[in-house]
Amino acid sequence: MTVAAFMRLTIFYILFAAIASFANIFAQDVFVRLYHGVYAITLSIFVGTFIGLLVKYWLDKRYIFRFRTLSAAHDIRTFVLYSAMGVLTTVIFWAFEFGFQEIFQTKQMRYLGGLLGLSLGYFLKYKMDKRFVFVAVD
């Protein structure tokens, strides 16, 4: 891979991580504005995580790895594997977000913790996806 190609890939990956992060945080914010129950924060983090996952999968599959699935079943299997690779990175993200919430007790710091956790998680996710998820099917 040339330096220019590497830089282009890096820029787009960061851009797509930012888009998915925004979708995640936006979904959380919408959720807590609509639901004020006891578990509002916890549920908002789960909802945001799922929305961010869907957005990131689509962008990664199409633009980062240029991966074409063979069928709907293959796409589902690829998404499940992609999601499984994201379990560790999601735990990192949640640890930062819940940790910042526990320590600072403010929405702004909770979201900052979430963004920090997402950033670290996305870096690790790329490495795992390249090696295990978006590989050619023989």
N, C-alpha and C. Protein backbone atom coordinates (compact mmCIF):
# COMPACT_ATOMS: atom_id res chain seq x y z
N MET A 1 0.86 -1.17 0.00
CA MET A 1 0.00 0.00 0.00
C MET A 1 0.90 1.23 0.00
N THR A 2 0.61 2.15 -0.90
CA THR A 2 1.40 3.38 -0.98
C THR A 2 1.08 4.28 0.21
N VAL A 3 1.94 5.23 0.44
CA VAL A 3 1.72 6.19 1.53
C VAL A 3 0.44 6.97 1.28
N ALA A 4 0.21 7.38 0.05
CA ALA A 4 -1.00 8.14 -0.28
C ALA A 4 -2.25 7.30 -0.03
N ALA A 5 -2.21 6.04 -0.43
CA ALA A 5 -3.36 5.16 -0.21
C ALA A 5 -3.58 4.93 1.28
N PHE A 6 -2.51 4.77 2.03
CA PHE A 6 -2.62 4.60 3.48
C PHE A 6 -3.23 5.84 4.13
N MET A 7 -2.77 7.00 3.72
CA MET A 7 -3.30 8.25 4.28
C MET A 7 -4.78 8.42 3.94
N ARG A 8 -5.14 8.09 2.71
CA ARG A 8 -6.55 8.19 2.30
C ARG A 8 -7.42 7.25 3.13
N LEU A 9 -6.96 6.02 3.29
CA LEU A 9 -7.69 5.04 4.10
C LEU A 9 -7.83 5.52 5.54
N THR A 10 -6.75 6.02 6.10
CA THR A 10 -6.77 6.51 7.47
C THR A 10 -7.75 7.66 7.64
N ILE A 11 -7.73 8.60 6.72
CA ILE A 11 -8.63 9.76 6.79
C ILE A 11 -10.09 9.31 6.71
N PHE A 12 -10.38 8.43 5.78
CA PHE A 12 -11.77 7.96 5.65
C PHE A 12 -12.20 7.12 6.85
N TYR A 13 -11.29 6.30 7.37
CA TYR A 13 -11.64 5.49 8.54
C TYR A 13 -11.96 6.40 9.74
N ILE A 14 -11.14 7.42 9.93
CA ILE A 14 -11.39 8.37 11.02
C ILE A 14 -12.69 9.12 10.78
N LEU A 15 -12.93 9.54 9.55
CA LEU A 15 -14.19 10.23 9.22
C LEU A 15 -15.39 9.33 9.51
N PHE A 16 -15.32 8.08 9.10
CA PHE A 16 -16.44 7.16 9.31
C PHE A 16 -16.62 6.83 10.79
N ALA A 17 -15.50 6.73 11.52
CA ALA A 17 -15.60 6.53 12.97
C ALA A 17 -16.29 7.73 13.62
N ALA A 18 -15.95 8.92 13.12
CA ALA A 18 -16.59 10.14 13.65
C ALA A 18 -18.08 10.15 13.33
N ILE A 19 -18.44 9.76 12.12
CA ILE A 19 -19.86 9.71 11.73
C ILE A 19 -20.61 8.72 12.61
N ALA A 20 -20.04 7.52 12.79
CA ALA A 20 -20.69 6.51 13.62
C ALA A 20 -20.74 6.96 15.08
N SER A 21 -19.69 7.62 15.54
CA SER A 21 -19.68 8.14 16.91
C SER A 21 -20.77 9.19 17.09
N PHE A 22 -20.89 10.08 16.11
CA PHE A 22 -21.95 11.09 16.16
C PHE A 22 -23.32 10.42 16.19
N ALA A 23 -23.52 9.42 15.34
CA ALA A 23 -24.80 8.70 15.31
C ALA A 23 -25.07 8.06 16.67
N ASN A 24 -24.04 7.49 17.28
CA ASN A 24 -24.16 6.87 18.59
C ASN A 24 -24.58 7.89 19.65
N ILE A 25 -23.83 8.97 19.76
CA ILE A 25 -24.11 9.99 20.78
C ILE A 25 -25.44 10.68 20.51
N PHE A 26 -25.74 10.94 19.25
CA PHE A 26 -27.02 11.56 18.89
C PHE A 26 -28.19 10.66 19.29
N ALA A 27 -28.06 9.35 19.00
CA ALA A 27 -29.12 8.41 19.37
C ALA A 27 -29.30 8.37 20.89
N GLN A 28 -28.19 8.41 21.62
CA GLN A 28 -28.28 8.44 23.08
C GLN A 28 -29.02 9.68 23.55
N ASP A 29 -28.65 10.82 22.99
CA ASP A 29 -29.25 12.08 23.42
C ASP A 29 -30.75 12.10 23.11
N VAL A 30 -31.13 11.64 21.93
CA VAL A 30 -32.55 11.57 21.58
C VAL A 30 -33.28 10.64 22.55
N PHE A 31 -32.67 9.50 22.84
CA PHE A 31 -33.31 8.54 23.73
C PHE A 31 -33.57 9.14 25.11
N VAL A 32 -32.56 9.80 25.70
CA VAL A 32 -32.76 10.33 27.05
C VAL A 32 -33.70 11.54 27.07
N ARG A 33 -33.89 12.17 25.93
CA ARG A 33 -34.88 13.26 25.85
C ARG A 33 -36.30 12.69 25.81
N LEU A 34 -36.43 11.46 25.26
CA LEU A 34 -37.75 10.85 25.12
C LEU A 34 -38.12 9.94 26.29
N TYR A 35 -37.12 9.38 26.95
CA TYR A 35 -37.37 8.44 28.03
C TYR A 35 -36.64 8.91 29.29
N HIS A 36 -37.36 9.04 30.38
CA HIS A 36 -36.79 9.56 31.62
C HIS A 36 -36.87 8.56 32.76
N GLY A 37 -36.98 7.29 32.44
CA GLY A 37 -37.11 6.26 33.47
C GLY A 37 -35.82 6.00 34.23
N VAL A 38 -35.90 5.07 35.13
CA VAL A 38 -34.79 4.74 36.01
C VAL A 38 -33.54 4.33 35.22
N TYR A 39 -33.70 3.59 34.17
CA TYR A 39 -32.56 3.07 33.40
C TYR A 39 -32.31 3.87 32.12
N ALA A 40 -32.69 5.12 32.10
CA ALA A 40 -32.57 5.94 30.89
C ALA A 40 -31.14 5.99 30.36
N ILE A 41 -30.19 6.22 31.21
CA ILE A 41 -28.79 6.34 30.77
C ILE A 41 -28.30 5.00 30.22
N THR A 42 -28.52 3.94 30.96
CA THR A 42 -28.07 2.62 30.53
C THR A 42 -28.71 2.23 29.20
N LEU A 43 -30.01 2.39 29.10
CA LEU A 43 -30.70 2.05 27.85
C LEU A 43 -30.24 2.93 26.70
N SER A 44 -29.99 4.21 26.97
CA SER A 44 -29.54 5.11 25.90
C SER A 44 -28.18 4.67 25.36
N ILE A 45 -27.31 4.18 26.24
CA ILE A 45 -26.00 3.70 25.80
C ILE A 45 -26.14 2.46 24.92
N PHE A 46 -27.05 1.55 25.28
CA PHE A 46 -27.29 0.37 24.44
C PHE A 46 -27.85 0.76 23.08
N VAL A 47 -28.84 1.66 23.07
CA VAL A 47 -29.45 2.11 21.81
C VAL A 47 -28.40 2.80 20.94
N GLY A 48 -27.63 3.70 21.53
CA GLY A 48 -26.60 4.41 20.78
C GLY A 48 -25.55 3.47 20.22
N THR A 49 -25.17 2.48 21.01
CA THR A 49 -24.19 1.49 20.56
C THR A 49 -24.70 0.74 19.33
N PHE A 50 -25.95 0.32 19.35
CA PHE A 50 -26.52 -0.42 18.23
C PHE A 50 -26.60 0.46 16.97
N ILE A 51 -27.05 1.68 17.12
CA ILE A 51 -27.14 2.59 15.97
C ILE A 51 -25.75 2.85 15.40
N GLY A 52 -24.78 3.13 16.26
CA GLY A 52 -23.41 3.35 15.81
C GLY A 52 -22.84 2.13 15.11
N LEU A 53 -23.16 0.95 15.61
CA LEU A 53 -22.69 -0.30 15.01
C LEU A 53 -23.24 -0.47 13.60
N LEU A 54 -24.52 -0.23 13.41
CA LEU A 54 -25.11 -0.35 12.08
C LEU A 54 -24.48 0.61 11.09
N VAL A 55 -24.31 1.85 11.51
CA VAL A 55 -23.71 2.87 10.64
C VAL A 55 -22.28 2.48 10.28
N LYS A 56 -21.49 2.09 11.28
CA LYS A 56 -20.08 1.77 11.05
C LYS A 56 -19.93 0.52 10.18
N TYR A 57 -20.76 -0.48 10.38
CA TYR A 57 -20.69 -1.68 9.54
C TYR A 57 -20.90 -1.34 8.08
N TRP A 58 -21.93 -0.58 7.80
CA TRP A 58 -22.24 -0.23 6.42
C TRP A 58 -21.10 0.57 5.78
N LEU A 59 -20.59 1.56 6.49
CA LEU A 59 -19.50 2.38 5.95
C LEU A 59 -18.22 1.58 5.77
N ASP A 60 -17.86 0.77 6.76
CA ASP A 60 -16.65 -0.05 6.65
C ASP A 60 -16.74 -1.04 5.51
N LYS A 61 -17.84 -1.75 5.46
CA LYS A 61 -18.02 -2.78 4.43
C LYS A 61 -17.91 -2.17 3.04
N ARG A 62 -18.58 -1.06 2.84
CA ARG A 62 -18.65 -0.48 1.51
C ARG A 62 -17.40 0.32 1.11
N TYR A 63 -16.90 1.15 2.01
CA TYR A 63 -15.87 2.11 1.62
C TYR A 63 -14.47 1.79 2.14
N ILE A 64 -14.34 1.16 3.28
CA ILE A 64 -13.00 0.88 3.81
C ILE A 64 -12.48 -0.44 3.25
N PHE A 65 -13.27 -1.49 3.35
CA PHE A 65 -12.82 -2.80 2.91
C PHE A 65 -13.31 -3.17 1.51
N ARG A 66 -14.23 -2.36 0.97
CA ARG A 66 -14.79 -2.61 -0.37
C ARG A 66 -15.19 -4.08 -0.51
N PHE A 67 -15.95 -4.52 0.47
CA PHE A 67 -16.32 -5.92 0.59
C PHE A 67 -17.72 -6.13 0.05
N ARG A 68 -17.87 -7.11 -0.78
CA ARG A 68 -19.19 -7.44 -1.32
C ARG A 68 -19.60 -8.81 -0.78
N THR A 69 -20.78 -8.82 -0.20
CA THR A 69 -21.29 -10.10 0.28
C THR A 69 -21.94 -10.83 -0.89
N LEU A 70 -22.01 -12.15 -0.77
CA LEU A 70 -22.51 -12.98 -1.86
C LEU A 70 -24.03 -13.11 -1.84
N SER A 71 -24.63 -12.90 -0.68
CA SER A 71 -26.08 -13.05 -0.52
C SER A 71 -26.51 -12.37 0.76
N ALA A 72 -27.80 -12.34 0.99
CA ALA A 72 -28.31 -11.78 2.25
C ALA A 72 -27.81 -12.61 3.43
N ALA A 73 -27.77 -13.92 3.27
CA ALA A 73 -27.28 -14.79 4.34
C ALA A 73 -25.80 -14.51 4.64
N HIS A 74 -25.01 -14.32 3.59
CA HIS A 74 -23.59 -14.00 3.76
C HIS A 74 -23.43 -12.64 4.44
N ASP A 75 -24.27 -11.70 4.09
CA ASP A 75 -24.23 -10.37 4.71
C ASP A 75 -24.55 -10.47 6.20
N ILE A 76 -25.53 -11.27 6.54
CA ILE A 76 -25.91 -11.46 7.95
C ILE A 76 -24.76 -12.12 8.71
N ARG A 77 -24.16 -13.15 8.12
CA ARG A 77 -23.03 -13.82 8.77
C ARG A 77 -21.86 -12.85 8.96
N THR A 78 -21.61 -12.03 7.94
CA THR A 78 -20.52 -11.05 8.03
C THR A 78 -20.83 -10.03 9.13
N PHE A 79 -22.08 -9.56 9.20
CA PHE A 79 -22.47 -8.61 10.24
C PHE A 79 -22.34 -9.23 11.63
N VAL A 80 -22.73 -10.48 11.77
CA VAL A 80 -22.61 -11.16 13.06
C VAL A 80 -21.13 -11.27 13.46
N LEU A 81 -20.28 -11.64 12.53
CA LEU A 81 -18.84 -11.73 12.82
C LEU A 81 -18.28 -10.34 13.14
N TYR A 82 -18.68 -9.34 12.37
CA TYR A 82 -18.28 -7.95 12.61
C TYR A 82 -18.71 -7.52 14.02
N SER A 83 -19.93 -7.88 14.38
CA SER A 83 -20.44 -7.53 15.71
C SER A 83 -19.68 -8.26 16.80
N ALA A 84 -19.37 -9.53 16.57
CA ALA A 84 -18.63 -10.31 17.55
C ALA A 84 -17.25 -9.71 17.79
N MET A 85 -16.61 -9.26 16.73
CA MET A 85 -15.30 -8.61 16.87
C MET A 85 -15.44 -7.31 17.67
N GLY A 86 -16.62 -6.75 17.65
CA GLY A 86 -16.85 -5.50 18.35
C GLY A 86 -17.17 -5.67 19.82
N VAL A 87 -17.31 -6.90 20.30
CA VAL A 87 -17.65 -7.10 21.72
C VAL A 87 -16.55 -6.53 22.61
N LEU A 88 -15.30 -6.87 22.34
CA LEU A 88 -14.20 -6.35 23.15
C LEU A 88 -14.14 -4.83 23.06
N THR A 89 -14.26 -4.31 21.86
CA THR A 89 -14.16 -2.86 21.71
C THR A 89 -15.35 -2.15 22.35
N THR A 90 -16.50 -2.80 22.35
CA THR A 90 -17.67 -2.23 23.03
C THR A 90 -17.47 -2.20 24.54
N VAL A 91 -16.86 -3.23 25.08
CA VAL A 91 -16.56 -3.25 26.51
C VAL A 91 -15.63 -2.09 26.86
N ILE A 92 -14.64 -1.83 26.02
CA ILE A 92 -13.74 -0.70 26.24
C ILE A 92 -14.53 0.60 26.22
N PHE A 93 -15.37 0.76 25.20
CA PHE A 93 -16.20 1.97 25.07
C PHE A 93 -17.08 2.15 26.30
N TRP A 94 -17.78 1.12 26.69
CA TRP A 94 -18.68 1.22 27.84
C TRP A 94 -17.91 1.50 29.13
N ALA A 95 -16.74 0.89 29.29
CA ALA A 95 -15.95 1.13 30.49
C ALA A 95 -15.59 2.61 30.60
N PHE A 96 -15.20 3.21 29.50
CA PHE A 96 -14.89 4.64 29.52
C PHE A 96 -16.15 5.46 29.80
N GLU A 97 -17.23 5.17 29.08
CA GLU A 97 -18.43 5.98 29.25
C GLU A 97 -19.04 5.83 30.64
N PHE A 98 -19.24 4.61 31.09
CA PHE A 98 -19.79 4.39 32.43
C PHE A 98 -18.81 4.93 33.49
N GLY A 99 -17.52 4.74 33.26
CA GLY A 99 -16.53 5.24 34.21
C GLY A 99 -16.57 6.75 34.34
N PHE A 100 -16.63 7.45 33.22
CA PHE A 100 -16.71 8.91 33.27
C PHE A 100 -18.02 9.36 33.91
N GLN A 101 -19.10 8.63 33.67
CA GLN A 101 -20.37 8.97 34.31
C GLN A 101 -20.24 8.82 35.83
N GLU A 102 -19.65 7.73 36.25
CA GLU A 102 -19.51 7.46 37.68
C GLU A 102 -18.59 8.48 38.36
N ILE A 103 -17.51 8.83 37.69
CA ILE A 103 -16.53 9.75 38.29
C ILE A 103 -17.03 11.20 38.28
N PHE A 104 -17.55 11.66 37.12
CA PHE A 104 -17.84 13.08 36.97
C PHE A 104 -19.32 13.45 37.13
N GLN A 105 -20.22 12.48 36.89
CA GLN A 105 -21.66 12.69 37.08
C GLN A 105 -22.25 13.81 36.21
N THR A 106 -21.70 14.02 35.02
CA THR A 106 -22.28 15.01 34.11
C THR A 106 -22.44 14.40 32.72
N LYS A 107 -23.41 14.90 32.01
CA LYS A 107 -23.68 14.43 30.65
C LYS A 107 -22.47 14.69 29.74
N GLN A 108 -21.90 15.87 29.86
CA GLN A 108 -20.78 16.23 28.99
C GLN A 108 -19.58 15.31 29.20
N MET A 109 -19.26 15.02 30.44
CA MET A 109 -18.12 14.14 30.71
C MET A 109 -18.44 12.69 30.34
N ARG A 110 -19.69 12.27 30.51
CA ARG A 110 -20.08 10.92 30.08
C ARG A 110 -19.86 10.79 28.58
N TYR A 111 -20.28 11.81 27.82
CA TYR A 111 -20.11 11.77 26.37
C TYR A 111 -18.63 11.84 25.99
N LEU A 112 -17.84 12.61 26.71
CA LEU A 112 -16.40 12.65 26.45
C LEU A 112 -15.78 11.28 26.69
N GLY A 113 -16.15 10.65 27.79
CA GLY A 113 -15.67 9.29 28.05
C GLY A 113 -16.08 8.33 26.94
N GLY A 114 -17.31 8.49 26.47
CA GLY A 114 -17.78 7.66 25.37
C GLY A 114 -16.97 7.88 24.11
N LEU A 115 -16.66 9.12 23.80
CA LEU A 115 -15.86 9.42 22.60
C LEU A 115 -14.44 8.88 22.72
N LEU A 116 -13.85 8.99 23.89
CA LEU A 116 -12.51 8.43 24.11
C LEU A 116 -12.52 6.91 23.96
N GLY A 117 -13.52 6.27 24.57
CA GLY A 117 -13.65 4.82 24.47
C GLY A 117 -13.91 4.36 23.04
N LEU A 118 -14.74 5.11 22.34
CA LEU A 118 -15.02 4.78 20.94
C LEU A 118 -13.76 4.90 20.09
N SER A 119 -12.96 5.93 20.32
CA SER A 119 -11.74 6.15 19.54
C SER A 119 -10.77 4.98 19.69
N LEU A 120 -10.52 4.59 20.93
CA LEU A 120 -9.63 3.46 21.17
C LEU A 120 -10.22 2.18 20.59
N GLY A 121 -11.51 1.99 20.80
CA GLY A 121 -12.18 0.80 20.29
C GLY A 121 -12.14 0.69 18.78
N TYR A 122 -12.35 1.81 18.08
CA TYR A 122 -12.32 1.79 16.62
C TYR A 122 -10.94 1.43 16.08
N PHE A 123 -9.89 1.89 16.74
CA PHE A 123 -8.54 1.53 16.31
C PHE A 123 -8.34 0.01 16.38
N LEU A 124 -8.70 -0.56 17.51
CA LEU A 124 -8.57 -2.01 17.67
C LEU A 124 -9.50 -2.76 16.72
N LYS A 125 -10.69 -2.23 16.50
CA LYS A 125 -11.69 -2.87 15.63
C LYS A 125 -11.17 -2.98 14.21
N TYR A 126 -10.55 -1.94 13.71
CA TYR A 126 -10.01 -1.98 12.34
C TYR A 126 -9.02 -3.14 12.19
N LYS A 127 -8.14 -3.27 13.16
CA LYS A 127 -7.13 -4.33 13.09
C LYS A 127 -7.79 -5.71 13.05
N MET A 128 -8.80 -5.93 13.89
CA MET A 128 -9.48 -7.23 13.93
C MET A 128 -10.33 -7.46 12.67
N ASP A 129 -11.03 -6.43 12.20
CA ASP A 129 -11.86 -6.58 11.01
C ASP A 129 -11.03 -6.92 9.79
N LYS A 130 -9.90 -6.26 9.65
CA LYS A 130 -9.03 -6.52 8.50
C LYS A 130 -8.54 -7.96 8.50
N ARG A 131 -8.24 -8.46 9.68
CA ARG A 131 -7.68 -9.80 9.79
C ARG A 131 -8.73 -10.92 9.77
N PHE A 132 -9.92 -10.67 10.38
CA PHE A 132 -10.85 -11.77 10.59
C PHE A 132 -12.21 -11.64 9.89
N VAL A 133 -12.67 -10.43 9.59
CA VAL A 133 -14.04 -10.26 9.10
C VAL A 133 -14.10 -10.08 7.60
N PHE A 134 -13.43 -9.07 7.10
CA PHE A 134 -13.55 -8.73 5.68
C PHE A 134 -12.42 -9.39 4.88
N VAL A 135 -12.51 -10.70 4.80
CA VAL A 135 -11.53 -11.49 4.07
C VAL A 135 -12.23 -12.17 2.89
N ALA A 136 -11.49 -12.40 1.86
CA ALA A 136 -12.06 -13.00 0.65
C ALA A 136 -12.60 -14.39 0.94
N VAL A 137 -13.75 -14.67 0.36
CA VAL A 137 -14.38 -15.98 0.49
C VAL A 137 -13.93 -16.84 -0.69
N ASP A 138 -13.41 -18.00 -0.39
CA ASP A 138 -12.95 -18.91 -1.46
C ASP A 138 -14.04 -19.86 -1.86
